[in-house]
């Protein structure tokens, strides 16, 4: 048998390995593009004089999370 070609018994395993490599290559994310896309739609929340104290706490937490995630000050 020619050494340049895998043995017929190994072909299914080789095909599975190559398929797995293709699947993993397609699972990569584009970090900065994903972040900027999320930051474009995730706008800061403003409070109202009618908000409860719990709502104000949650607004502050959400806005802080947005600033951290979107790398804003």
C-alpha atoms as a PDB file:
ATOM      1  CA  UNK A   1       0.000   0.000   0.000  1.00  0.00           C
ATOM      2  CA  UNK A   2       1.212   3.512  -0.787  1.00  0.00           C
ATOM      3  CA  UNK A   3       2.446   5.382   2.328  1.00  0.00           C
ATOM      4  CA  UNK A   4       0.879   8.653   1.098  1.00  0.00           C
ATOM      5  CA  UNK A   5      -2.686   7.434   1.639  1.00  0.00           C
ATOM      6  CA  UNK A   6      -4.221   6.300   4.951  1.00  0.00           C
ATOM      7  CA  UNK A   7      -5.311   2.707   5.344  1.00  0.00           C
ATOM      8  CA  UNK A   8      -9.005   2.185   4.441  1.00  0.00           C
ATOM      9  CA  UNK A   9      -9.823   1.261   8.057  1.00  0.00           C
ATOM     10  CA  UNK A  10      -8.580   4.673   9.219  1.00  0.00           C
ATOM     11  CA  UNK A  11     -10.625   6.722   6.753  1.00  0.00           C
ATOM     12  CA  UNK A  12     -13.745   7.006   8.971  1.00  0.00           C
ATOM     13  CA  UNK A  13     -11.623   8.203  11.887  1.00  0.00           C
ATOM     14  CA  UNK A  14      -9.810  10.711   9.671  1.00  0.00           C
ATOM     15  CA  UNK A  15     -13.125  11.985   8.314  1.00  0.00           C
ATOM     16  CA  UNK A  16     -14.484  12.407  11.850  1.00  0.00           C
ATOM     17  CA  UNK A  17     -11.384  14.309  12.940  1.00  0.00           C
ATOM     18  CA  UNK A  18     -11.543  16.645   9.967  1.00  0.00           C
ATOM     19  CA  UNK A  19     -15.263  17.243  10.499  1.00  0.00           C
ATOM     20  CA  UNK A  20     -14.637  18.068  14.144  1.00  0.00           C
ATOM     21  CA  UNK A  21     -11.907  20.527  13.186  1.00  0.00           C
ATOM     22  CA  UNK A  22     -14.265  22.287  10.773  1.00  0.00           C
ATOM     23  CA  UNK A  23     -17.003  22.513  13.390  1.00  0.00           C
ATOM     24  CA  UNK A  24     -14.623  23.979  15.975  1.00  0.00           C
ATOM     25  CA  UNK A  25     -13.258  26.491  13.469  1.00  0.00           C
ATOM     26  CA  UNK A  26     -16.788  27.734  12.794  1.00  0.00           C
ATOM     27  CA  UNK A  27     -17.534  28.206  16.514  1.00  0.00           C
ATOM     28  CA  UNK A  28     -15.111  31.075  16.961  1.00  0.00           C
ATOM     29  CA  UNK A  29     -16.634  34.408  17.940  1.00  0.00           C
ATOM     30  CA  UNK A  30     -15.581  37.842  16.924  1.00  0.00           C
ATOM     31  CA  UNK A  31     -15.164  39.377  20.372  1.00  0.00           C
ATOM     32  CA  UNK A  32     -14.876  43.106  19.659  1.00  0.00           C
ATOM     33  CA  UNK A  33     -17.581  43.093  16.982  1.00  0.00           C
ATOM     34  CA  UNK A  34     -19.954  41.246  19.303  1.00  0.00           C
ATOM     35  CA  UNK A  35     -19.193  43.653  22.141  1.00  0.00           C
ATOM     36  CA  UNK A  36     -19.697  46.759  20.034  1.00  0.00           C
ATOM     37  CA  UNK A  37     -22.941  45.355  18.627  1.00  0.00           C
ATOM     38  CA  UNK A  38     -24.285  44.684  22.105  1.00  0.00           C
ATOM     39  CA  UNK A  39     -23.192  48.108  23.311  1.00  0.00           C
ATOM     40  CA  UNK A  40     -24.987  49.789  20.426  1.00  0.00           C
ATOM     41  CA  UNK A  41     -28.346  48.447  21.607  1.00  0.00           C
ATOM     42  CA  UNK A  42     -27.692  48.323  25.359  1.00  0.00           C
ATOM     43  CA  UNK A  43     -28.344  51.934  26.264  1.00  0.00           C
ATOM     44  CA  UNK A  44     -27.997  53.385  29.769  1.00  0.00           C
ATOM     45  CA  UNK A  45     -31.164  53.498  31.843  1.00  0.00           C
ATOM     46  CA  UNK A  46     -32.308  56.774  33.361  1.00  0.00           C
ATOM     47  CA  UNK A  47     -34.230  57.003  36.590  1.00  0.00           C
ATOM     48  CA  UNK A  48     -37.415  58.812  37.452  1.00  0.00           C
ATOM     49  CA  UNK A  49     -38.571  60.535  40.626  1.00  0.00           C
ATOM     50  CA  UNK A  50     -41.349  57.924  40.699  1.00  0.00           C
ATOM     51  CA  UNK A  51     -38.896  54.973  40.872  1.00  0.00           C
ATOM     52  CA  UNK A  52     -38.704  52.933  44.045  1.00  0.00           C
ATOM     53  CA  UNK A  53     -35.423  52.592  45.901  1.00  0.00           C
ATOM     54  CA  UNK A  54     -35.065  49.004  44.608  1.00  0.00           C
ATOM     55  CA  UNK A  55     -35.544  50.187  41.015  1.00  0.00           C
ATOM     56  CA  UNK A  56     -32.865  52.873  41.503  1.00  0.00           C
ATOM     57  CA  UNK A  57     -30.456  50.256  42.870  1.00  0.00           C
ATOM     58  CA  UNK A  58     -31.103  48.022  39.863  1.00  0.00           C
ATOM     59  CA  UNK A  59     -30.647  50.946  37.429  1.00  0.00           C
ATOM     60  CA  UNK A  60     -27.289  51.804  38.980  1.00  0.00           C
ATOM     61  CA  UNK A  61     -26.220  48.135  38.781  1.00  0.00           C
ATOM     62  CA  UNK A  62     -27.324  47.785  35.150  1.00  0.00           C
ATOM     63  CA  UNK A  63     -25.573  50.968  34.092  1.00  0.00           C
ATOM     64  CA  UNK A  64     -22.391  49.914  35.919  1.00  0.00           C
ATOM     65  CA  UNK A  65     -22.478  46.532  34.166  1.00  0.00           C
ATOM     66  CA  UNK A  66     -22.912  48.261  30.807  1.00  0.00           C
ATOM     67  CA  UNK A  67     -19.972  50.593  31.452  1.00  0.00           C
ATOM     68  CA  UNK A  68     -17.753  47.662  32.443  1.00  0.00           C
ATOM     69  CA  UNK A  69     -18.817  45.475  29.508  1.00  0.00           C
ATOM     70  CA  UNK A  70     -18.553  48.264  26.952  1.00  0.00           C
ATOM     71  CA  UNK A  71     -15.287  49.572  28.461  1.00  0.00           C
ATOM     72  CA  UNK A  72     -16.718  52.997  29.212  1.00  0.00           C
ATOM     73  CA  UNK A  73     -16.010  55.301  32.137  1.00  0.00           C
END
